[in-house]
C-alpha atoms as a PDB file:
ATOM      1  CA  UNK A   1     -36.135 -78.742 -40.163  1.00  0.00           C
ATOM      2  CA  UNK A   2     -37.305 -75.955 -38.020  1.00  0.00           C
ATOM      3  CA  UNK A   3     -35.659 -73.033 -40.072  1.00  0.00           C
ATOM      4  CA  UNK A   4     -33.050 -72.157 -43.005  1.00  0.00           C
ATOM      5  CA  UNK A   5     -30.886 -69.255 -44.515  1.00  0.00           C
ATOM      6  CA  UNK A   6     -30.197 -69.058 -47.722  1.00  0.00           C
ATOM      7  CA  UNK A   7     -28.087 -67.176 -50.064  1.00  0.00           C
ATOM      8  CA  UNK A   8     -27.906 -66.419 -53.897  1.00  0.00           C
ATOM      9  CA  UNK A   9     -28.609 -64.299 -56.814  1.00  0.00           C
ATOM     10  CA  UNK A  10     -31.832 -63.117 -58.380  1.00  0.00           C
ATOM     11  CA  UNK A  11     -32.537 -61.157 -61.499  1.00  0.00           C
ATOM     12  CA  UNK A  12     -35.935 -58.936 -61.855  1.00  0.00           C
ATOM     13  CA  UNK A  13     -38.294 -58.601 -64.448  1.00  0.00           C
ATOM     14  CA  UNK A  14     -36.341 -57.744 -67.902  1.00  0.00           C
ATOM     15  CA  UNK A  15     -33.277 -58.317 -65.609  1.00  0.00           C
ATOM     16  CA  UNK A  16     -33.637 -54.916 -64.543  1.00  0.00           C
ATOM     17  CA  UNK A  17     -30.554 -53.174 -61.996  1.00  0.00           C
ATOM     18  CA  UNK A  18     -28.279 -56.690 -62.685  1.00  0.00           C
ATOM     19  CA  UNK A  19     -28.019 -59.293 -60.459  1.00  0.00           C
ATOM     20  CA  UNK A  20     -29.567 -59.171 -57.115  1.00  0.00           C
ATOM     21  CA  UNK A  21     -28.011 -60.551 -53.811  1.00  0.00           C
ATOM     22  CA  UNK A  22     -31.007 -62.948 -52.684  1.00  0.00           C
ATOM     23  CA  UNK A  23     -30.782 -63.452 -48.434  1.00  0.00           C
ATOM     24  CA  UNK A  24     -34.042 -66.038 -47.744  1.00  0.00           C
ATOM     25  CA  UNK A  25     -34.519 -65.851 -43.744  1.00  0.00           C
ATOM     26  CA  UNK A  26     -37.656 -69.147 -42.737  1.00  0.00           C
ATOM     27  CA  UNK A  27     -38.378 -70.210 -39.761  1.00  0.00           C
ATOM     28  CA  UNK A  28     -41.445 -72.809 -38.751  1.00  0.00           C
ATOM     29  CA  UNK A  29     -44.107 -72.173 -38.826  1.00  0.00           C
ATOM     30  CA  UNK A  30     -44.931 -69.247 -40.341  1.00  0.00           C
ATOM     31  CA  UNK A  31     -42.086 -66.742 -40.784  1.00  0.00           C
ATOM     32  CA  UNK A  32     -40.360 -65.510 -43.636  1.00  0.00           C
ATOM     33  CA  UNK A  33     -38.383 -62.928 -45.341  1.00  0.00           C
ATOM     34  CA  UNK A  34     -36.590 -62.069 -48.627  1.00  0.00           C
ATOM     35  CA  UNK A  35     -34.439 -59.852 -49.156  1.00  0.00           C
ATOM     36  CA  UNK A  36     -32.549 -58.674 -52.389  1.00  0.00           C
ATOM     37  CA  UNK A  37     -29.682 -56.540 -52.148  1.00  0.00           C
ATOM     38  CA  UNK A  38     -28.644 -54.525 -55.552  1.00  0.00           C
ATOM     39  CA  UNK A  39     -24.958 -53.730 -54.785  1.00  0.00           C
ATOM     40  CA  UNK A  40     -23.789 -53.250 -58.700  1.00  0.00           C
ATOM     41  CA  UNK A  41     -26.280 -50.549 -58.832  1.00  0.00           C
ATOM     42  CA  UNK A  42     -25.536 -47.443 -56.579  1.00  0.00           C
ATOM     43  CA  UNK A  43     -28.585 -45.791 -54.963  1.00  0.00           C
ATOM     44  CA  UNK A  44     -31.067 -48.462 -55.792  1.00  0.00           C
ATOM     45  CA  UNK A  45     -32.585 -49.797 -52.202  1.00  0.00           C
ATOM     46  CA  UNK A  46     -32.842 -53.558 -51.276  1.00  0.00           C
ATOM     47  CA  UNK A  47     -36.510 -55.160 -52.107  1.00  0.00           C
ATOM     48  CA  UNK A  48     -37.764 -56.920 -49.171  1.00  0.00           C
ATOM     49  CA  UNK A  49     -40.416 -59.055 -48.531  1.00  0.00           C
ATOM     50  CA  UNK A  50     -41.201 -59.851 -44.753  1.00  0.00           C
ATOM     51  CA  UNK A  51     -43.530 -61.941 -42.653  1.00  0.00           C
ATOM     52  CA  UNK A  52     -43.463 -62.205 -38.728  1.00  0.00           C
ATOM     53  CA  UNK A  53     -46.179 -64.849 -38.124  1.00  0.00           C
ATOM     54  CA  UNK A  54     -49.085 -62.428 -38.193  1.00  0.00           C
ATOM     55  CA  UNK A  55     -48.091 -58.930 -40.031  1.00  0.00           C
ATOM     56  CA  UNK A  56     -46.649 -58.478 -43.610  1.00  0.00           C
ATOM     57  CA  UNK A  57     -44.246 -55.588 -45.353  1.00  0.00           C
ATOM     58  CA  UNK A  58     -43.609 -54.935 -48.623  1.00  0.00           C
ATOM     59  CA  UNK A  59     -40.580 -52.788 -49.647  1.00  0.00           C
ATOM     60  CA  UNK A  60     -39.342 -52.207 -53.374  1.00  0.00           C
ATOM     61  CA  UNK A  61     -37.540 -48.985 -54.952  1.00  0.00           C
ATOM     62  CA  UNK A  62     -40.022 -49.580 -58.038  1.00  0.00           C
ATOM     63  CA  UNK A  63     -43.282 -48.629 -56.488  1.00  0.00           C
ATOM     64  CA  UNK A  64     -44.773 -45.258 -55.651  1.00  0.00           C
ATOM     65  CA  UNK A  65     -45.177 -46.311 -52.087  1.00  0.00           C
ATOM     66  CA  UNK A  66     -41.742 -47.581 -51.522  1.00  0.00           C
ATOM     67  CA  UNK A  67     -42.920 -49.686 -48.304  1.00  0.00           C
ATOM     68  CA  UNK A  68     -46.102 -50.633 -47.292  1.00  0.00           C
ATOM     69  CA  UNK A  69     -47.853 -52.850 -44.610  1.00  0.00           C
ATOM     70  CA  UNK A  70     -49.481 -55.946 -46.273  1.00  0.00           C
ATOM     71  CA  UNK A  71     -53.507 -56.992 -45.989  1.00  0.00           C
ATOM     72  CA  UNK A  72     -56.014 -58.545 -47.465  1.00  0.00           C
ATOM     73  CA  UNK A  73     -55.025 -61.368 -50.075  1.00  0.00           C
ATOM     74  CA  UNK A  74     -51.564 -60.343 -50.273  1.00  0.00           C
ATOM     75  CA  UNK A  75     -51.180 -60.524 -46.292  1.00  0.00           C
ATOM     76  CA  UNK A  76     -52.543 -64.049 -46.582  1.00  0.00           C
ATOM     77  CA  UNK A  77     -50.518 -64.855 -49.505  1.00  0.00           C
ATOM     78  CA  UNK A  78     -47.623 -64.081 -47.344  1.00  0.00           C
ATOM     79  CA  UNK A  79     -48.769 -66.369 -44.948  1.00  0.00           C
ATOM     80  CA  UNK A  80     -49.146 -69.307 -47.352  1.00  0.00           C
ATOM     81  CA  UNK A  81     -45.875 -68.758 -48.635  1.00  0.00           C
ATOM     82  CA  UNK A  82     -43.994 -68.586 -45.456  1.00  0.00           C
ATOM     83  CA  UNK A  83     -46.002 -72.011 -43.928  1.00  0.00           C
ATOM     84  CA  UNK A  84     -45.131 -74.034 -47.315  1.00  0.00           C
ATOM     85  CA  UNK A  85     -41.401 -72.767 -47.336  1.00  0.00           C
ATOM     86  CA  UNK A  86     -41.646 -76.526 -44.924  1.00  0.00           C
ATOM     87  CA  UNK A  87     -43.202 -78.991 -46.721  1.00  0.00           C
ATOM     88  CA  UNK A  88     -44.480 -80.959 -43.645  1.00  0.00           C
ATOM     89  CA  UNK A  89     -46.989 -78.530 -42.983  1.00  0.00           C
ATOM     90  CA  UNK A  90     -48.988 -78.378 -45.885  1.00  0.00           C
ATOM     91  CA  UNK A  91     -51.370 -80.326 -44.214  1.00  0.00           C
ATOM     92  CA  UNK A  92     -51.943 -77.607 -41.673  1.00  0.00           C
ATOM     93  CA  UNK A  93     -51.502 -74.978 -44.364  1.00  0.00           C
ATOM     94  CA  UNK A  94     -54.271 -76.028 -46.611  1.00  0.00           C
ATOM     95  CA  UNK A  95     -57.387 -77.306 -45.765  1.00  0.00           C
ATOM     96  CA  UNK A  96     -60.496 -78.844 -48.051  1.00  0.00           C
ATOM     97  CA  UNK A  97     -57.220 -80.715 -50.050  1.00  0.00           C
ATOM     98  CA  UNK A  98     -58.699 -82.294 -53.127  1.00  0.00           C
ATOM     99  CA  UNK A  99     -56.904 -84.272 -55.816  1.00  0.00           C
ATOM    100  CA  UNK A 100     -57.072 -83.099 -59.576  1.00  0.00           C
ATOM    101  CA  UNK A 101     -56.922 -85.016 -62.637  1.00  0.00           C
ATOM    102  CA  UNK A 102     -53.079 -85.424 -63.323  1.00  0.00           C
ATOM    103  CA  UNK A 103     -51.441 -83.541 -66.191  1.00  0.00           C
ATOM    104  CA  UNK A 104     -48.639 -82.073 -67.684  1.00  0.00           C
ATOM    105  CA  UNK A 105     -46.537 -78.574 -67.118  1.00  0.00           C
ATOM    106  CA  UNK A 106     -43.783 -77.025 -68.707  1.00  0.00           C
ATOM    107  CA  UNK A 107     -40.884 -77.476 -66.483  1.00  0.00           C
ATOM    108  CA  UNK A 108     -38.037 -74.389 -66.108  1.00  0.00           C
ATOM    109  CA  UNK A 109     -34.615 -75.539 -67.657  1.00  0.00           C
ATOM    110  CA  UNK A 110     -31.429 -75.086 -65.690  1.00  0.00           C
ATOM    111  CA  UNK A 111     -29.942 -71.939 -66.338  1.00  0.00           C
ATOM    112  CA  UNK A 112     -26.557 -71.340 -68.012  1.00  0.00           C
ATOM    113  CA  UNK A 113     -26.566 -67.949 -66.458  1.00  0.00           C
ATOM    114  CA  UNK A 114     -28.348 -65.917 -64.474  1.00  0.00           C
ATOM    115  CA  UNK A 115     -29.520 -63.831 -67.760  1.00  0.00           C
ATOM    116  CA  UNK A 116     -31.079 -67.226 -69.348  1.00  0.00           C
ATOM    117  CA  UNK A 117     -33.227 -67.323 -66.717  1.00  0.00           C
ATOM    118  CA  UNK A 118     -35.888 -64.857 -67.926  1.00  0.00           C
ATOM    119  CA  UNK A 119     -35.049 -65.445 -71.921  1.00  0.00           C
ATOM    120  CA  UNK A 120     -38.077 -65.928 -74.039  1.00  0.00           C
ATOM    121  CA  UNK A 121     -37.245 -69.571 -74.381  1.00  0.00           C
ATOM    122  CA  UNK A 122     -37.751 -69.931 -70.669  1.00  0.00           C
ATOM    123  CA  UNK A 123     -40.230 -73.708 -71.340  1.00  0.00           C
ATOM    124  CA  UNK A 124     -38.439 -76.765 -70.775  1.00  0.00           C
ATOM    125  CA  UNK A 125     -39.707 -80.362 -71.132  1.00  0.00           C
ATOM    126  CA  UNK A 126     -43.095 -81.386 -70.065  1.00  0.00           C
ATOM    127  CA  UNK A 127     -43.692 -82.963 -66.791  1.00  0.00           C
ATOM    128  CA  UNK A 128     -46.290 -85.191 -65.953  1.00  0.00           C
ATOM    129  CA  UNK A 129     -48.021 -83.854 -62.389  1.00  0.00           C
ATOM    130  CA  UNK A 130     -50.237 -85.049 -59.931  1.00  0.00           C
ATOM    131  CA  UNK A 131     -52.389 -82.008 -58.126  1.00  0.00           C
ATOM    132  CA  UNK A 132     -53.271 -81.105 -55.111  1.00  0.00           C
ATOM    133  CA  UNK A 133     -55.232 -77.973 -54.305  1.00  0.00           C
ATOM    134  CA  UNK A 134     -56.484 -76.521 -51.121  1.00  0.00           C
ATOM    135  CA  UNK A 135     -57.849 -73.345 -49.297  1.00  0.00           C
ATOM    136  CA  UNK A 136     -55.536 -71.446 -47.022  1.00  0.00           C
ATOM    137  CA  UNK A 137     -56.329 -68.337 -44.677  1.00  0.00           C
ATOM    138  CA  UNK A 138     -59.685 -66.558 -45.686  1.00  0.00           C
ATOM    139  CA  UNK A 139     -60.372 -68.296 -48.892  1.00  0.00           C
ATOM    140  CA  UNK A 140     -56.487 -68.321 -50.647  1.00  0.00           C
ATOM    141  CA  UNK A 141     -56.935 -71.300 -53.223  1.00  0.00           C
ATOM    142  CA  UNK A 142     -53.753 -72.933 -53.895  1.00  0.00           C
ATOM    143  CA  UNK A 143     -52.870 -75.420 -56.632  1.00  0.00           C
ATOM    144  CA  UNK A 144     -49.841 -77.785 -56.361  1.00  0.00           C
ATOM    145  CA  UNK A 145     -47.827 -79.540 -58.887  1.00  0.00           C
ATOM    146  CA  UNK A 146     -45.931 -82.655 -57.648  1.00  0.00           C
ATOM    147  CA  UNK A 147     -43.659 -84.456 -60.275  1.00  0.00           C
ATOM    148  CA  UNK A 148     -45.378 -87.965 -60.702  1.00  0.00           C
ATOM    149  CA  UNK A 149     -41.564 -89.268 -60.840  1.00  0.00           C
ATOM    150  CA  UNK A 150     -40.155 -87.993 -58.075  1.00  0.00           C
ATOM    151  CA  UNK A 151     -43.057 -86.651 -55.965  1.00  0.00           C
ATOM    152  CA  UNK A 152     -40.862 -82.964 -55.426  1.00  0.00           C
ATOM    153  CA  UNK A 153     -42.866 -79.791 -55.707  1.00  0.00           C
ATOM    154  CA  UNK A 154     -42.513 -78.521 -59.128  1.00  0.00           C
ATOM    155  CA  UNK A 155     -45.121 -75.256 -59.099  1.00  0.00           C
ATOM    156  CA  UNK A 156     -47.261 -73.572 -56.338  1.00  0.00           C
ATOM    157  CA  UNK A 157     -50.241 -71.349 -58.101  1.00  0.00           C
ATOM    158  CA  UNK A 158     -52.069 -69.509 -55.297  1.00  0.00           C
ATOM    159  CA  UNK A 159     -55.121 -66.802 -56.296  1.00  0.00           C
ATOM    160  CA  UNK A 160     -56.038 -63.416 -53.736  1.00  0.00           C
ATOM    161  CA  UNK A 161     -59.042 -61.846 -54.211  1.00  0.00           C
ATOM    162  CA  UNK A 162     -59.238 -58.702 -55.585  1.00  0.00           C
ATOM    163  CA  UNK A 163     -61.747 -56.075 -56.905  1.00  0.00           C
ATOM    164  CA  UNK A 164     -61.011 -57.314 -60.387  1.00  0.00           C
ATOM    165  CA  UNK A 165     -61.099 -61.013 -59.608  1.00  0.00           C
ATOM    166  CA  UNK A 166     -58.586 -63.756 -58.592  1.00  0.00           C
ATOM    167  CA  UNK A 167     -54.988 -62.736 -59.271  1.00  0.00           C
ATOM    168  CA  UNK A 168     -52.559 -65.590 -59.439  1.00  0.00           C
ATOM    169  CA  UNK A 169     -49.144 -65.865 -57.976  1.00  0.00           C
ATOM    170  CA  UNK A 170     -46.971 -68.621 -59.836  1.00  0.00           C
ATOM    171  CA  UNK A 171     -43.881 -70.276 -57.807  1.00  0.00           C
ATOM    172  CA  UNK A 172     -41.854 -72.593 -60.055  1.00  0.00           C
ATOM    173  CA  UNK A 173     -39.129 -75.135 -58.190  1.00  0.00           C
ATOM    174  CA  UNK A 174     -36.356 -76.721 -59.734  1.00  0.00           C
ATOM    175  CA  UNK A 175     -32.521 -77.579 -59.336  1.00  0.00           C
ATOM    176  CA  UNK A 176     -33.321 -79.977 -56.445  1.00  0.00           C
ATOM    177  CA  UNK A 177     -30.307 -80.710 -54.345  1.00  0.00           C
ATOM    178  CA  UNK A 178     -29.643 -82.853 -50.736  1.00  0.00           C
ATOM    179  CA  UNK A 179     -29.680 -80.522 -48.014  1.00  0.00           C
ATOM    180  CA  UNK A 180     -29.477 -82.521 -44.641  1.00  0.00           C
ATOM    181  CA  UNK A 181     -31.406 -85.383 -45.856  1.00  0.00           C
ATOM    182  CA  UNK A 182     -34.002 -83.192 -47.456  1.00  0.00           C
ATOM    183  CA  UNK A 183     -34.367 -82.466 -50.970  1.00  0.00           C
ATOM    184  CA  UNK A 184     -34.558 -78.180 -51.332  1.00  0.00           C
ATOM    185  CA  UNK A 185     -35.263 -76.300 -54.490  1.00  0.00           C
ATOM    186  CA  UNK A 186     -32.204 -74.040 -55.539  1.00  0.00           C
ATOM    187  CA  UNK A 187     -34.121 -72.771 -58.207  1.00  0.00           C
ATOM    188  CA  UNK A 188     -37.311 -70.874 -57.707  1.00  0.00           C
ATOM    189  CA  UNK A 189     -39.159 -68.344 -59.860  1.00  0.00           C
ATOM    190  CA  UNK A 190     -41.662 -65.852 -58.784  1.00  0.00           C
ATOM    191  CA  UNK A 191     -43.879 -64.562 -61.106  1.00  0.00           C
ATOM    192  CA  UNK A 192     -46.839 -62.466 -60.315  1.00  0.00           C
ATOM    193  CA  UNK A 193     -49.500 -59.945 -62.098  1.00  0.00           C
ATOM    194  CA  UNK A 194     -46.699 -57.330 -63.098  1.00  0.00           C
ATOM    195  CA  UNK A 195     -43.703 -58.785 -61.980  1.00  0.00           C
ATOM    196  CA  UNK A 196     -40.931 -61.717 -61.795  1.00  0.00           C
ATOM    197  CA  UNK A 197     -38.002 -62.651 -60.008  1.00  0.00           C
ATOM    198  CA  UNK A 198     -35.692 -65.846 -60.909  1.00  0.00           C
ATOM    199  CA  UNK A 199     -33.820 -66.830 -57.940  1.00  0.00           C
ATOM    200  CA  UNK A 200     -30.994 -69.617 -58.052  1.00  0.00           C
ATOM    201  CA  UNK A 201     -29.460 -70.249 -54.422  1.00  0.00           C
ATOM    202  CA  UNK A 202     -26.100 -70.976 -54.045  1.00  0.00           C
ATOM    203  CA  UNK A 203     -26.001 -71.863 -50.275  1.00  0.00           C
ATOM    204  CA  UNK A 204     -28.395 -73.451 -47.854  1.00  0.00           C
ATOM    205  CA  UNK A 205     -28.153 -74.051 -44.203  1.00  0.00           C
ATOM    206  CA  UNK A 206     -30.931 -75.600 -42.417  1.00  0.00           C
ATOM    207  CA  UNK A 207     -31.887 -75.933 -38.447  1.00  0.00           C
ATOM    208  CA  UNK A 208     -29.925 -72.541 -37.677  1.00  0.00           C
ATOM    209  CA  UNK A 209     -30.606 -69.531 -34.953  1.00  0.00           C
ATOM    210  CA  UNK A 210     -32.472 -66.626 -36.579  1.00  0.00           C
ATOM    211  CA  UNK A 211     -32.759 -63.517 -34.857  1.00  0.00           C
ATOM    212  CA  UNK A 212     -36.934 -62.760 -34.383  1.00  0.00           C
ATOM    213  CA  UNK A 213     -35.890 -58.789 -35.811  1.00  0.00           C
ATOM    214  CA  UNK A 214     -35.386 -60.722 -39.511  1.00  0.00           C
ATOM    215  CA  UNK A 215     -38.815 -61.290 -39.596  1.00  0.00           C
ATOM    216  CA  UNK A 216     -40.253 -57.518 -38.353  1.00  0.00           C
ATOM    217  CA  UNK A 217     -40.819 -54.528 -40.437  1.00  0.00           C
ATOM    218  CA  UNK A 218     -39.081 -54.335 -43.680  1.00  0.00           C
ATOM    219  CA  UNK A 219     -37.512 -50.710 -43.024  1.00  0.00           C
ATOM    220  CA  UNK A 220     -35.046 -52.191 -40.527  1.00  0.00           C
ATOM    221  CA  UNK A 221     -34.116 -54.982 -42.603  1.00  0.00           C
ATOM    222  CA  UNK A 222     -31.428 -53.237 -45.154  1.00  0.00           C
END
């Protein structure tokens, strides 16, 4: 798999703004853009995260800046996310790989609706996982949790540095389906210090051509 385009829906933290329409573009080895448009919320601009392999941008209607270029640990995190969009690149994306003690984590239940993805009872069944930890660009620490039965990735937690210490970003994966012979997660939840996006995909196309402009500055993506 060298590229993919995925589409689905998203609910932000607290369901603010109603369901968003999600588009994800990714191209190996390290380009990725996610666009969330709120067509049912007139006047609300799209939220866009993009990384072109060297530079990254974030555009969100809920921030003071509106749009800004990523730097420091945010840029490093975008690089890790782009590279790990293609599982075969784990050994290239992360160095100093080491295995931790097996543990259990709470899996996210399959939602009956987008709203349920953000309910207070998100905790599903406990899953036994193997833990692998590695180091990304400039010391970014990433911990991967693989289901012991299926071998599929259920969670990734990466830590970026900041003046107040390491800041975590957690990505949970579920609802794996076969797409062209590859197991692909159709359910993803991104959680960071002050926000969360719960995404349910409904379409994934692999190995498709993608215009390089898709990974450029966020303001040009809408």
